[in-house]
Amino acid sequence: MSDLTDRLARIVREACVRAALDAYEQAGVSGLCAEGRWELAVDAMRSLDLGAMIQEHPEVGMRDAR
């Protein structure tokens, strides 16, 4: 894997984990069962704004491939 690809993968993985953990915790505070908490965690990962994530990290932005 190139350094750029590795960096992008790490950024996306960290964002997914953070989103899932935050959603899981918030769902627990709201009283949801484990299954409901997991569903919200997965939903949080699916709804991540990858475009915004790339804007926050311009070093991994897509290059014009020709």
Protein backbone atom coordinates (compact mmCIF):
# COMPACT_ATOMS: atom_id res chain seq x y z
CA MET A 1 0.00 0.00 0.00
CA SER A 2 1.28 3.46 -0.78
CA ASP A 3 1.78 5.95 2.03
CA LEU A 4 -1.15 8.01 0.75
CA THR A 5 -3.47 5.01 0.55
CA ASP A 6 -2.38 3.87 4.00
CA ARG A 7 -3.04 7.34 5.45
CA LEU A 8 -6.51 7.51 3.88
CA ALA A 9 -7.37 4.03 5.17
CA ARG A 10 -6.30 5.00 8.69
CA ILE A 11 -8.35 8.22 8.59
CA VAL A 12 -11.46 6.39 7.41
CA ARG A 13 -11.02 3.55 9.92
CA GLU A 14 -10.56 5.97 12.84
CA ALA A 15 -13.62 7.96 11.78
CA CYS A 16 -15.74 4.80 11.51
CA VAL A 17 -14.66 3.54 14.92
CA ARG A 18 -15.24 6.93 16.54
CA ALA A 19 -18.69 7.29 14.93
CA ALA A 20 -19.70 3.75 15.92
CA LEU A 21 -18.54 4.09 19.52
CA ASP A 22 -20.21 7.48 19.94
CA ALA A 23 -23.49 6.22 18.48
CA TYR A 24 -23.38 3.02 20.54
CA GLU A 25 -22.82 4.98 23.73
CA GLN A 26 -25.55 7.52 22.97
CA ALA A 27 -27.99 4.74 22.13
CA GLY A 28 -27.23 3.10 25.48
CA VAL A 29 -27.87 6.36 27.31
CA SER A 30 -31.20 6.53 25.46
CA GLY A 31 -32.08 3.08 26.79
CA LEU A 32 -31.79 0.98 23.64
CA CYS A 33 -30.98 -2.71 23.87
CA ALA A 34 -27.71 -4.11 22.51
CA GLU A 35 -29.24 -4.87 19.10
CA GLY A 36 -30.62 -1.35 18.77
CA ARG A 37 -27.32 0.11 19.87
CA TRP A 38 -25.49 -1.93 17.24
CA GLU A 39 -27.96 -0.83 14.53
CA LEU A 40 -27.33 2.81 15.38
CA ALA A 41 -23.58 2.26 15.41
CA VAL A 42 -23.68 0.74 11.92
CA ASP A 43 -25.98 3.55 10.77
CA ALA A 44 -23.48 6.11 12.05
CA MET A 45 -20.69 4.52 10.02
CA ARG A 46 -22.84 4.38 6.90
CA SER A 47 -23.78 8.04 7.20
CA LEU A 48 -20.24 9.38 7.58
CA ASP A 49 -19.55 12.27 5.21
CA LEU A 50 -16.45 10.98 3.44
CA GLY A 51 -16.22 14.12 1.30
CA ALA A 52 -15.96 16.30 4.40
CA MET A 53 -13.40 13.90 5.83
CA ILE A 54 -11.22 14.28 2.76
CA GLN A 55 -11.60 18.08 2.89
CA GLU A 56 -10.35 17.99 6.48
CA HIS A 57 -7.28 16.06 5.27
CA PRO A 58 -6.25 17.59 1.93
CA GLU A 59 -3.06 15.51 1.90
CA VAL A 60 -5.19 12.46 1.03
CA GLY A 61 -7.53 14.19 -1.41
CA MET A 62 -8.19 12.52 -4.71
CA ARG A 63 -5.73 13.45 -7.41
CA ASP A 64 -6.73 13.86 -11.04
CA ALA A 65 -5.85 10.43 -12.45
CA ARG A 66 -5.18 10.41 -16.19
